[in-house]
Amino acid sequence: MKNYKITVNGKAYDVTVQEAGEAPVQAAEAKKPVAAASAGAVSVKSPMPGTILDIKVNVGDSVKSGQVLCILEAMKMENDIVAPQDGTVDAILVSKNDSVEANDDIIALV
């Protein structure tokens, strides 16, 4: 097995590649993209496990408290994830269709 770090559209992924002829290895949990948030950024977290259906903002956007940042589907319901305060989107830490767990970081605001 060989480990590589691959960057796709500005997001870094850690991947493991099996060489031909090697015995298969149990699949490990997929790693999430690595995104860097600025020091002092406020993290918007997932309130529950679910799937990111849509992201309504882009990095650099100014947002107001209560503005919808993304849509999280959980238990067949769509939940608005809103900005806890006024700020600027510093980093988007998930992609559309990503699965998230409760308390996973979704978006960073400064």
PDB file of N, CA and C in Angstrom:
ATOM      1  N   MET A   1       0.836  -1.173   0.000  1.00  0.00           N
ATOM      2  CA  MET A   1       0.000   0.000   0.000  1.00  0.00           C
ATOM      3  C   MET A   1       0.884   1.241   0.000  1.00  0.00           C
ATOM      4  N   LYS A   2       0.461   2.227  -0.748  1.00  0.00           N
ATOM      5  CA  LYS A   2       1.167   3.502  -0.778  1.00  0.00           C
ATOM      6  C   LYS A   2       0.175   4.611  -0.456  1.00  0.00           C
ATOM      7  N   ASN A   3       0.635   5.565   0.343  1.00  0.00           N
ATOM      8  CA  ASN A   3      -0.201   6.694   0.731  1.00  0.00           C
ATOM      9  C   ASN A   3       0.203   7.921  -0.071  1.00  0.00           C
ATOM     10  N   TYR A   4      -0.811   8.660  -0.548  1.00  0.00           N
ATOM     11  CA  TYR A   4      -0.580   9.878  -1.306  1.00  0.00           C
ATOM     12  C   TYR A   4      -1.516  10.960  -0.807  1.00  0.00           C
ATOM     13  N   LYS A   5      -1.119  12.210  -1.009  1.00  0.00           N
ATOM     14  CA  LYS A   5      -1.999  13.346  -0.764  1.00  0.00           C
ATOM     15  C   LYS A   5      -2.291  13.938  -2.133  1.00  0.00           C
ATOM     16  N   ILE A   6      -3.579  14.003  -2.484  1.00  0.00           N
ATOM     17  CA  ILE A   6      -4.005  14.504  -3.783  1.00  0.00           C
ATOM     18  C   ILE A   6      -4.859  15.740  -3.569  1.00  0.00           C
ATOM     19  N   THR A   7      -4.637  16.784  -4.380  1.00  0.00           N
ATOM     20  CA  THR A   7      -5.438  17.996  -4.280  1.00  0.00           C
ATOM     21  C   THR A   7      -6.335  18.095  -5.507  1.00  0.00           C
ATOM     22  N   VAL A   8      -7.640  18.231  -5.253  1.00  0.00           N
ATOM     23  CA  VAL A   8      -8.640  18.345  -6.307  1.00  0.00           C
ATOM     24  C   VAL A   8      -9.451  19.605  -6.040  1.00  0.00           C
ATOM     25  N   ASN A   9      -9.469  20.527  -6.995  1.00  0.00           N
ATOM     26  CA  ASN A   9     -10.206  21.779  -6.850  1.00  0.00           C
ATOM     27  C   ASN A   9      -9.875  22.488  -5.543  1.00  0.00           C
ATOM     28  N   GLY A  10      -8.615  22.472  -5.154  1.00  0.00           N
ATOM     29  CA  GLY A  10      -8.172  23.187  -3.966  1.00  0.00           C
ATOM     30  C   GLY A  10      -8.384  22.457  -2.652  1.00  0.00           C
ATOM     31  N   LYS A  11      -8.943  21.250  -2.688  1.00  0.00           N
ATOM     32  CA  LYS A  11      -9.153  20.471  -1.463  1.00  0.00           C
ATOM     33  C   LYS A  11      -8.197  19.284  -1.468  1.00  0.00           C
ATOM     34  N   ALA A  12      -7.496  19.091  -0.348  1.00  0.00           N
ATOM     35  CA  ALA A  12      -6.516  18.009  -0.236  1.00  0.00           C
ATOM     36  C   ALA A  12      -7.190  16.752   0.310  1.00  0.00           C
ATOM     37  N   TYR A  13      -6.866  15.610  -0.277  1.00  0.00           N
ATOM     38  CA  TYR A  13      -7.388  14.322   0.152  1.00  0.00           C
ATOM     39  C   TYR A  13      -6.215  13.379   0.410  1.00  0.00           C
ATOM     40  N   ASP A  14      -6.290  12.599   1.488  1.00  0.00           N
ATOM     41  CA  ASP A  14      -5.320  11.552   1.740  1.00  0.00           C
ATOM     42  C   ASP A  14      -5.890  10.272   1.146  1.00  0.00           C
ATOM     43  N   VAL A  15      -5.131   9.612   0.278  1.00  0.00           N
ATOM     44  CA  VAL A  15      -5.596   8.368  -0.343  1.00  0.00           C
ATOM     45  C   VAL A  15      -4.551   7.283  -0.171  1.00  0.00           C
ATOM     46  N   THR A  16      -5.025   6.050  -0.154  1.00  0.00           N
ATOM     47  CA  THR A  16      -4.153   4.886  -0.087  1.00  0.00           C
ATOM     48  C   THR A  16      -4.398   4.062  -1.343  1.00  0.00           C
ATOM     49  N   VAL A  17      -3.327   3.694  -2.024  1.00  0.00           N
ATOM     50  CA  VAL A  17      -3.426   2.949  -3.274  1.00  0.00           C
ATOM     51  C   VAL A  17      -2.821   1.569  -3.067  1.00  0.00           C
ATOM     52  N   GLN A  18      -3.563   0.558  -3.472  1.00  0.00           N
ATOM     53  CA  GLN A  18      -3.091  -0.822  -3.365  1.00  0.00           C
ATOM     54  C   GLN A  18      -2.318  -1.175  -4.634  1.00  0.00           C
ATOM     55  N   GLU A  19      -1.134  -1.736  -4.458  1.00  0.00           N
ATOM     56  CA  GLU A  19      -0.336  -2.133  -5.605  1.00  0.00           C
ATOM     57  C   GLU A  19      -0.863  -3.456  -6.150  1.00  0.00           C
ATOM     58  N   ALA A  20      -0.710  -3.653  -7.460  1.00  0.00           N
ATOM     59  CA  ALA A  20      -1.165  -4.890  -8.088  1.00  0.00           C
ATOM     60  C   ALA A  20      -0.506  -6.086  -7.414  1.00  0.00           C
ATOM     61  N   GLY A  21      -1.289  -7.119  -7.123  1.00  0.00           N
ATOM     62  CA  GLY A  21      -0.749  -8.310  -6.499  1.00  0.00           C
ATOM     63  C   GLY A  21      -0.795  -8.306  -4.984  1.00  0.00           C
ATOM     64  N   GLU A  22      -1.051  -7.153  -4.365  1.00  0.00           N
ATOM     65  CA  GLU A  22      -1.151  -7.095  -2.912  1.00  0.00           C
ATOM     66  C   GLU A  22      -2.498  -7.655  -2.460  1.00  0.00           C
ATOM     67  N   ALA A  23      -2.497  -8.243  -1.280  1.00  0.00           N
ATOM     68  CA  ALA A  23      -3.738  -8.754  -0.717  1.00  0.00           C
ATOM     69  C   ALA A  23      -4.654  -7.586  -0.384  1.00  0.00           C
ATOM     70  N   PRO A  24      -5.967  -7.749  -0.595  1.00  0.00           N
ATOM     71  CA  PRO A  24      -6.889  -6.654  -0.266  1.00  0.00           C
ATOM     72  C   PRO A  24      -6.870  -6.332   1.226  1.00  0.00           C
ATOM     73  N   VAL A  25      -7.119  -5.089   1.537  1.00  0.00           N
ATOM     74  CA  VAL A  25      -7.141  -4.616   2.912  1.00  0.00           C
ATOM     75  C   VAL A  25      -8.561  -4.150   3.210  1.00  0.00           C
ATOM     76  N   GLN A  26      -9.010  -4.331   4.456  1.00  0.00           N
ATOM     77  CA  GLN A  26     -10.347  -3.857   4.839  1.00  0.00           C
ATOM     78  C   GLN A  26     -10.445  -2.366   4.537  1.00  0.00           C
ATOM     79  N   ALA A  27     -11.578  -1.956   3.987  1.00  0.00           N
ATOM     80  CA  ALA A  27     -11.773  -0.545   3.666  1.00  0.00           C
ATOM     81  C   ALA A  27     -11.866   0.275   4.943  1.00  0.00           C
ATOM     82  N   ALA A  28     -11.100   1.339   4.991  1.00  0.00           N
ATOM     83  CA  ALA A  28     -11.138   2.247   6.138  1.00  0.00           C
ATOM     84  C   ALA A  28     -12.181   3.320   5.871  1.00  0.00           C
ATOM     85  N   GLU A  29     -12.600   4.014   6.913  1.00  0.00           N
ATOM     86  CA  GLU A  29     -13.554   5.102   6.750  1.00  0.00           C
ATOM     87  C   GLU A  29     -12.943   6.161   5.847  1.00  0.00           C
ATOM     88  N   ALA A  30     -13.732   6.649   4.898  1.00  0.00           N
ATOM     89  CA  ALA A  30     -13.248   7.662   3.959  1.00  0.00           C
ATOM     90  C   ALA A  30     -12.855   8.920   4.713  1.00  0.00           C
ATOM     91  N   LYS A  31     -11.743   9.515   4.316  1.00  0.00           N
ATOM     92  CA  LYS A  31     -11.286  10.740   4.954  1.00  0.00           C
ATOM     93  C   LYS A  31     -11.959  11.924   4.295  1.00  0.00           C
ATOM     94  N   LYS A  32     -12.273  12.926   5.096  1.00  0.00           N
ATOM     95  CA  LYS A  32     -12.896  14.142   4.587  1.00  0.00           C
ATOM     96  C   LYS A  32     -11.821  15.062   4.030  1.00  0.00           C
ATOM     97  N   PRO A  33     -12.216  15.935   3.109  1.00  0.00           N
ATOM     98  CA  PRO A  33     -11.248  16.869   2.564  1.00  0.00           C
ATOM     99  C   PRO A  33     -10.646  17.734   3.669  1.00  0.00           C
ATOM    100  N   VAL A  34      -9.393  18.084   3.457  1.00  0.00           N
ATOM    101  CA  VAL A  34      -8.714  18.946   4.414  1.00  0.00           C
ATOM    102  C   VAL A  34      -8.884  20.382   3.934  1.00  0.00           C
ATOM    103  N   ALA A  35      -9.456  21.219   4.769  1.00  0.00           N
ATOM    104  CA  ALA A  35      -9.606  22.632   4.432  1.00  0.00           C
ATOM    105  C   ALA A  35      -9.088  23.439   5.610  1.00  0.00           C
ATOM    106  N   ALA A  36      -8.421  24.507   5.315  1.00  0.00           N
ATOM    107  CA  ALA A  36      -7.827  25.305   6.387  1.00  0.00           C
ATOM    108  C   ALA A  36      -8.708  26.505   6.687  1.00  0.00           C
ATOM    109  N   ALA A  37      -9.068  26.649   7.957  1.00  0.00           N
ATOM    110  CA  ALA A  37      -9.799  27.825   8.407  1.00  0.00           C
ATOM    111  C   ALA A  37      -8.794  28.744   9.107  1.00  0.00           C
ATOM    112  N   SER A  38      -9.039  30.025   9.041  1.00  0.00           N
ATOM    113  CA  SER A  38      -8.153  30.999   9.682  1.00  0.00           C
ATOM    114  C   SER A  38      -8.223  30.855  11.196  1.00  0.00           C
ATOM    115  N   ALA A  39      -7.147  31.246  11.853  1.00  0.00           N
ATOM    116  CA  ALA A  39      -7.133  31.253  13.318  1.00  0.00           C
ATOM    117  C   ALA A  39      -8.215  32.206  13.802  1.00  0.00           C
ATOM    118  N   GLY A  40      -8.946  31.801  14.810  1.00  0.00           N
ATOM    119  CA  GLY A  40     -10.003  32.634  15.359  1.00  0.00           C
ATOM    120  C   GLY A  40     -11.325  32.534  14.626  1.00  0.00           C
ATOM    121  N   ALA A  41     -11.414  31.674  13.613  1.00  0.00           N
ATOM    122  CA  ALA A  41     -12.660  31.508  12.872  1.00  0.00           C
ATOM    123  C   ALA A  41     -13.696  30.811  13.751  1.00  0.00           C
ATOM    124  N   VAL A  42     -14.966  31.176  13.568  1.00  0.00           N
ATOM    125  CA  VAL A  42     -16.070  30.540  14.275  1.00  0.00           C
ATOM    126  C   VAL A  42     -16.549  29.376  13.423  1.00  0.00           C
ATOM    127  N   SER A  43     -16.609  28.194  14.031  1.00  0.00           N
ATOM    128  CA  SER A  43     -16.998  26.999  13.304  1.00  0.00           C
ATOM    129  C   SER A  43     -18.500  26.775  13.412  1.00  0.00           C
ATOM    130  N   VAL A  44     -19.159  26.607  12.268  1.00  0.00           N
ATOM    131  CA  VAL A  44     -20.570  26.226  12.233  1.00  0.00           C
ATOM    132  C   VAL A  44     -20.579  24.715  12.149  1.00  0.00           C
ATOM    133  N   LYS A  45     -21.231  24.064  13.115  1.00  0.00           N
ATOM    134  CA  LYS A  45     -21.203  22.606  13.224  1.00  0.00           C
ATOM    135  C   LYS A  45     -22.534  21.988  12.837  1.00  0.00           C
ATOM    136  N   SER A  46     -22.489  20.737  12.425  1.00  0.00           N
ATOM    137  CA  SER A  46     -23.698  19.989  12.127  1.00  0.00           C
ATOM    138  C   SER A  46     -24.414  19.668  13.439  1.00  0.00           C
ATOM    139  N   PRO A  47     -25.710  19.966  13.524  1.00  0.00           N
ATOM    140  CA  PRO A  47     -26.432  19.670  14.753  1.00  0.00           C
ATOM    141  C   PRO A  47     -26.810  18.196  14.890  1.00  0.00           C
ATOM    142  N   MET A  48     -26.717  17.447  13.786  1.00  0.00           N
ATOM    143  CA  MET A  48     -27.112  16.037  13.779  1.00  0.00           C
ATOM    144  C   MET A  48     -26.471  15.336  12.595  1.00  0.00           C
ATOM    145  N   PRO A  49     -26.461  14.000  12.599  1.00  0.00           N
ATOM    146  CA  PRO A  49     -25.946  13.285  11.420  1.00  0.00           C
ATOM    147  C   PRO A  49     -26.868  13.512  10.223  1.00  0.00           C
ATOM    148  N   GLY A  50     -26.286  13.540   9.040  1.00  0.00           N
ATOM    149  CA  GLY A  50     -27.094  13.710   7.844  1.00  0.00           C
ATOM    150  C   GLY A  50     -26.237  13.862   6.608  1.00  0.00           C
ATOM    151  N   THR A  51     -26.865  14.355   5.541  1.00  0.00           N
ATOM    152  CA  THR A  51     -26.208  14.546   4.251  1.00  0.00           C
ATOM    153  C   THR A  51     -26.371  15.991   3.816  1.00  0.00           C
ATOM    154  N   ILE A  52     -25.289  16.593   3.346  1.00  0.00           N
ATOM    155  CA  ILE A  52     -25.335  17.970   2.846  1.00  0.00           C
ATOM    156  C   ILE A  52     -26.016  17.958   1.479  1.00  0.00           C
ATOM    157  N   LEU A  53     -27.200  18.587   1.392  1.00  0.00           N
ATOM    158  CA  LEU A  53     -27.938  18.637   0.125  1.00  0.00           C
ATOM    159  C   LEU A  53     -27.507  19.804  -0.745  1.00  0.00           C
ATOM    160  N   ASP A  54     -27.229  20.944  -0.106  1.00  0.00           N
ATOM    161  CA  ASP A  54     -26.899  22.139  -0.886  1.00  0.00           C
ATOM    162  C   ASP A  54     -26.081  23.096  -0.021  1.00  0.00           C
ATOM    163  N   ILE A  55     -25.199  23.825  -0.655  1.00  0.00           N
ATOM    164  CA  ILE A  55     -24.413  24.854   0.022  1.00  0.00           C
ATOM    165  C   ILE A  55     -24.803  26.182  -0.615  1.00  0.00           C
ATOM    166  N   LYS A  56     -25.293  27.102   0.198  1.00  0.00           N
ATOM    167  CA  LYS A  56     -25.882  28.348  -0.291  1.00  0.00           C
ATOM    168  C   LYS A  56     -24.912  29.525  -0.325  1.00  0.00           C
ATOM    169  N   VAL A  57     -23.675  29.333   0.153  1.00  0.00           N
ATOM    170  CA  VAL A  57     -22.705  30.428   0.203  1.00  0.00           C
ATOM    171  C   VAL A  57     -21.387  29.989  -0.441  1.00  0.00           C
ATOM    172  N   ASN A  58     -20.544  30.973  -0.684  1.00  0.00           N
ATOM    173  CA  ASN A  58     -19.203  30.732  -1.217  1.00  0.00           C
ATOM    174  C   ASN A  58     -18.183  31.368  -0.283  1.00  0.00           C
ATOM    175  N   VAL A  59     -16.945  30.900  -0.348  1.00  0.00           N
ATOM    176  CA  VAL A  59     -15.874  31.500   0.436  1.00  0.00           C
ATOM    177  C   VAL A  59     -15.774  32.977   0.058  1.00  0.00           C
ATOM    178  N   GLY A  60     -15.702  33.826   1.082  1.00  0.00           N
ATOM    179  CA  GLY A  60     -15.601  35.267   0.865  1.00  0.00           C
ATOM    180  C   GLY A  60     -16.930  35.995   0.956  1.00  0.00           C
ATOM    181  N   ASP A  61     -18.051  35.268   0.951  1.00  0.00           N
ATOM    182  CA  ASP A  61     -19.371  35.900   1.053  1.00  0.00           C
ATOM    183  C   ASP A  61     -19.564  36.502   2.443  1.00  0.00           C
ATOM    184  N   SER A  62     -20.186  37.666   2.498  1.00  0.00           N
ATOM    185  CA  SER A  62     -20.609  38.256   3.772  1.00  0.00           C
ATOM    186  C   SER A  62     -21.958  37.652   4.119  1.00  0.00           C
ATOM    187  N   VAL A  63     -22.127  37.266   5.395  1.00  0.00           N
ATOM    188  CA  VAL A  63     -23.393  36.672   5.825  1.00  0.00           C
ATOM    189  C   VAL A  63     -23.901  37.394   7.069  1.00  0.00           C
ATOM    190  N   LYS A  64     -25.193  37.362   7.249  1.00  0.00           N
ATOM    191  CA  LYS A  64     -25.848  37.954   8.412  1.00  0.00           C
ATOM    192  C   LYS A  64     -26.299  36.836   9.341  1.00  0.00           C
ATOM    193  N   SER A  65     -26.388  37.132  10.614  1.00  0.00           N
ATOM    194  CA  SER A  65     -26.873  36.167  11.598  1.00  0.00           C
ATOM    195  C   SER A  65     -28.238  35.645  11.156  1.00  0.00           C
ATOM    196  N   GLY A  66     -28.410  34.322  11.165  1.00  0.00           N
ATOM    197  CA  GLY A  66     -29.666  33.702  10.761  1.00  0.00           C
ATOM    198  C   GLY A  66     -29.766  33.365   9.287  1.00  0.00           C
ATOM    199  N   GLN A  67     -28.801  33.815   8.473  1.00  0.00           N
ATOM    200  CA  GLN A  67     -28.812  33.519   7.034  1.00  0.00           C
ATOM    201  C   GLN A  67     -28.522  32.040   6.819  1.00  0.00           C
ATOM    202  N   VAL A  68     -29.231  31.414   5.877  1.00  0.00           N
ATOM    203  CA  VAL A  68     -29.028  29.998   5.572  1.00  0.00           C
ATOM    204  C   VAL A  68     -27.683  29.818   4.878  1.00  0.00           C
ATOM    205  N   LEU A  69     -26.850  28.938   5.443  1.00  0.00           N
ATOM    206  CA  LEU A  69     -25.539  28.644   4.866  1.00  0.00           C
ATOM    207  C   LEU A  69     -25.583  27.388   4.008  1.00  0.00           C
ATOM    208  N   CYS A  70     -26.308  26.366   4.498  1.00  0.00           N
ATOM    209  CA  CYS A  70     -26.428  25.126   3.744  1.00  0.00           C
ATOM    210  C   CYS A  70     -27.680  24.374   4.198  1.00  0.00           C
ATOM    211  N   ILE A  71     -28.019  23.337   3.444  1.00  0.00           N
ATOM    212  CA  ILE A  71     -29.179  22.499   3.747  1.00  0.00           C
ATOM    213  C   ILE A  71     -28.661  21.112   4.112  1.00  0.00           C
ATOM    214  N   LEU A  72     -29.109  20.615   5.267  1.00  0.00           N
ATOM    215  CA  LEU A  72     -28.717  19.293   5.763  1.00  0.00           C
ATOM    216  C   LEU A  72     -29.946  18.400   5.763  1.00  0.00           C
ATOM    217  N   GLU A  73     -29.866  17.261   5.087  1.00  0.00           N
ATOM    218  CA  GLU A  73     -30.964  16.299   5.127  1.00  0.00           C
ATOM    219  C   GLU A  73     -30.682  15.302   6.244  1.00  0.00           C
ATOM    220  N   ALA A  74     -31.638  15.172   7.153  1.00  0.00           N
ATOM    221  CA  ALA A  74     -31.526  14.218   8.249  1.00  0.00           C
ATOM    222  C   ALA A  74     -32.911  13.630   8.491  1.00  0.00           C
ATOM    223  N   MET A  75     -32.994  12.331   8.563  1.00  0.00           N
ATOM    224  CA  MET A  75     -34.263  11.630   8.808  1.00  0.00           C
ATOM    225  C   MET A  75     -35.340  12.068   7.815  1.00  0.00           C
ATOM    226  N   LYS A  76     -34.982  12.180   6.544  1.00  0.00           N
ATOM    227  CA  LYS A  76     -35.888  12.539   5.448  1.00  0.00           C
ATOM    228  C   LYS A  76     -36.442  13.962   5.549  1.00  0.00           C
ATOM    229  N   MET A  77     -35.803  14.794   6.367  1.00  0.00           N
ATOM    230  CA  MET A  77     -36.226  16.188   6.486  1.00  0.00           C
ATOM    231  C   MET A  77     -35.062  17.105   6.105  1.00  0.00           C
ATOM    232  N   GLU A  78     -35.394  18.226   5.467  1.00  0.00           N
ATOM    233  CA  GLU A  78     -34.380  19.216   5.111  1.00  0.00           C
ATOM    234  C   GLU A  78     -34.279  20.241   6.236  1.00  0.00           C
ATOM    235  N   ASN A  79     -33.061  20.457   6.733  1.00  0.00           N
ATOM    236  CA  ASN A  79     -32.812  21.374   7.840  1.00  0.00           C
ATOM    237  C   ASN A  79     -31.891  22.492   7.379  1.00  0.00           C
ATOM    238  N   ASP A  80     -32.314  23.741   7.622  1.00  0.00           N
ATOM    239  CA  ASP A  80     -31.469  24.888   7.307  1.00  0.00           C
ATOM    240  C   ASP A  80     -30.384  25.013   8.372  1.00  0.00           C
ATOM    241  N   ILE A  81     -29.137  25.102   7.943  1.00  0.00           N
ATOM    242  CA  ILE A  81     -28.026  25.398   8.848  1.00  0.00           C
ATOM    243  C   ILE A  81     -27.730  26.874   8.651  1.00  0.00           C
ATOM    244  N   VAL A  82     -27.877  27.659   9.725  1.00  0.00           N
ATOM    245  CA  VAL A  82     -27.803  29.117   9.608  1.00  0.00           C
ATOM    246  C   VAL A  82     -26.572  29.682  10.295  1.00  0.00           C
ATOM    247  N   ALA A  83     -26.215  30.888   9.898  1.00  0.00           N
ATOM    248  CA  ALA A  83     -25.068  31.583  10.489  1.00  0.00           C
ATOM    249  C   ALA A  83     -25.412  31.993  11.923  1.00  0.00           C
ATOM    250  N   PRO A  84     -24.535  31.684  12.872  1.00  0.00           N
ATOM    251  CA  PRO A  84     -24.792  32.056  14.261  1.00  0.00           C
ATOM    252  C   PRO A  84     -24.513  33.537  14.537  1.00  0.00           C
ATOM    253  N   GLN A  85     -23.837  34.200  13.607  1.00  0.00           N
ATOM    254  CA  GLN A  85     -23.465  35.609  13.772  1.00  0.00           C
ATOM    255  C   GLN A  85     -23.171  36.207  12.406  1.00  0.00           C
ATOM    256  N   ASP A  86     -23.067  37.519  12.354  1.00  0.00           N
ATOM    257  CA  ASP A  86     -22.632  38.196  11.127  1.00  0.00           C
ATOM    258  C   ASP A  86     -21.167  37.847  10.894  1.00  0.00           C
ATOM    259  N   GLY A  87     -20.756  37.790   9.651  1.00  0.00           N
ATOM    260  CA  GLY A  87     -19.356  37.526   9.360  1.00  0.00           C
ATOM    261  C   GLY A  87     -19.111  37.292   7.885  1.00  0.00           C
ATOM    262  N   THR A  88     -17.952  36.730   7.606  1.00  0.00           N
ATOM    263  CA  THR A  88     -17.540  36.396   6.247  1.00  0.00           C
ATOM    264  C   THR A  88     -17.200  34.915   6.206  1.00  0.00           C
ATOM    265  N   VAL A  89     -17.628  34.226   5.147  1.00  0.00           N
ATOM    266  CA  VAL A  89     -17.320  32.802   5.006  1.00  0.00           C
ATOM    267  C   VAL A  89     -15.822  32.657   4.759  1.00  0.00           C
ATOM    268  N   ASP A  90     -15.151  31.994   5.687  1.00  0.00           N
ATOM    269  CA  ASP A  90     -13.700  31.807   5.617  1.00  0.00           C
ATOM    270  C   ASP A  90     -13.348  30.507   4.914  1.00  0.00           C
ATOM    271  N   ALA A  91     -14.108  29.445   5.207  1.00  0.00           N
ATOM    272  CA  ALA A  91     -13.833  28.137   4.611  1.00  0.00           C
ATOM    273  C   ALA A  91     -15.116  27.317   4.591  1.00  0.00           C
ATOM    274  N   ILE A  92     -15.280  26.546   3.534  1.00  0.00           N
ATOM    275  CA  ILE A  92     -16.370  25.581   3.442  1.00  0.00           C
ATOM    276  C   ILE A  92     -15.712  24.217   3.579  1.00  0.00           C
ATOM    277  N   LEU A  93     -16.065  23.504   4.644  1.00  0.00           N
ATOM    278  CA  LEU A  93     -15.351  22.289   5.026  1.00  0.00           C
ATOM    279  C   LEU A  93     -16.019  21.013   4.544  1.00  0.00           C
ATOM    280  N   VAL A  94     -17.121  21.139   3.809  1.00  0.00           N
ATOM    281  CA  VAL A  94     -17.843  19.984   3.270  1.00  0.00           C
ATOM    282  C   VAL A  94     -18.182  20.255   1.818  1.00  0.00           C
ATOM    283  N   SER A  95     -18.624  19.222   1.136  1.00  0.00           N
ATOM    284  CA  SER A  95     -19.090  19.347  -0.244  1.00  0.00           C
ATOM    285  C   SER A  95     -20.519  18.826  -0.326  1.00  0.00           C
ATOM    286  N   LYS A  96     -21.198  19.189  -1.378  1.00  0.00           N
ATOM    287  CA  LYS A  96     -22.545  18.685  -1.618  1.00  0.00           C
ATOM    288  C   LYS A  96     -22.506  17.151  -1.630  1.00  0.00           C
ATOM    289  N   ASN A  97     -23.486  16.524  -1.015  1.00  0.00           N
ATOM    290  CA  ASN A  97     -23.638  15.069  -0.900  1.00  0.00           C
ATOM    291  C   ASN A  97     -22.724  14.414   0.132  1.00  0.00           C
ATOM    292  N   ASP A  98     -21.931  15.199   0.857  1.00  0.00           N
ATOM    293  CA  ASP A  98     -21.104  14.637   1.933  1.00  0.00           C
ATOM    294  C   ASP A  98     -21.991  14.193   3.087  1.00  0.00           C
ATOM    295  N   SER A  99     -21.625  13.102   3.719  1.00  0.00           N
ATOM    296  CA  SER A  99     -22.271  12.673   4.958  1.00  0.00           C
ATOM    297  C   SER A  99     -21.518  13.317   6.111  1.00  0.00           C
ATOM    298  N   VAL A 100     -22.266  13.813   7.089  1.00  0.00           N
ATOM    299  CA  VAL A 100     -21.663  14.422   8.264  1.00  0.00           C
ATOM    300  C   VAL A 100     -22.245  13.788   9.521  1.00  0.00           C
ATOM    301  N   GLU A 101     -21.493  13.867  10.580  1.00  0.00           N
ATOM    302  CA  GLU A 101     -21.939  13.398  11.885  1.00  0.00           C
ATOM    303  C   GLU A 101     -22.274  14.613  12.739  1.00  0.00           C
ATOM    304  N   ALA A 102     -22.956  14.394  13.844  1.00  0.00           N
ATOM    305  CA  ALA A 102     -23.260  15.483  14.770  1.00  0.00           C
ATOM    306  C   ALA A 102     -21.951  16.127  15.232  1.00  0.00           C
ATOM    307  N   ASN A 103     -21.916  17.422  15.279  1.00  0.00           N
ATOM    308  CA  ASN A 103     -20.772  18.237  15.704  1.00  0.00           C
ATOM    309  C   ASN A 103     -19.614  18.288  14.711  1.00  0.00           C
ATOM    310  N   ASP A 104     -19.782  17.768  13.505  1.00  0.00           N
ATOM    311  CA  ASP A 104     -18.755  17.940  12.472  1.00  0.00           C
ATOM    312  C   ASP A 104     -18.738  19.406  12.048  1.00  0.00           C
ATOM    313  N   ASP A 105     -17.561  19.948  11.793  1.00  0.00           N
ATOM    314  CA  ASP A 105     -17.430  21.312  11.281  1.00  0.00           C
ATOM    315  C   ASP A 105     -17.922  21.350   9.841  1.00  0.00           C
ATOM    316  N   ILE A 106     -18.756  22.351   9.528  1.00  0.00           N
ATOM    317  CA  ILE A 106     -19.312  22.469   8.171  1.00  0.00           C
ATOM    318  C   ILE A 106     -18.730  23.690   7.470  1.00  0.00           C
ATOM    319  N   ILE A 107     -18.813  24.838   8.146  1.00  0.00           N
ATOM    320  CA  ILE A 107     -18.378  26.110   7.562  1.00  0.00           C
ATOM    321  C   ILE A 107     -17.677  26.918   8.638  1.00  0.00           C
ATOM    322  N   ALA A 108     -16.640  27.662   8.252  1.00  0.00           N
ATOM    323  CA  ALA A 108     -15.932  28.549   9.184  1.00  0.00           C
ATOM    324  C   ALA A 108     -16.225  29.997   8.806  1.00  0.00           C
ATOM    325  N   LEU A 109     -16.556  30.808   9.812  1.00  0.00           N
ATOM    326  CA  LEU A 109     -16.828  32.227   9.613  1.00  0.00           C
ATOM    327  C   LEU A 109     -15.796  33.072  10.359  1.00  0.00           C
ATOM    328  N   VAL A 110     -15.439  34.212   9.791  1.00  0.00           N
ATOM    329  CA  VAL A 110     -14.583  35.176  10.480  1.00  0.00           C
ATOM    330  C   VAL A 110     -15.305  36.507  10.538  1.00  0.00           C
TER     331      VAL A 110
END
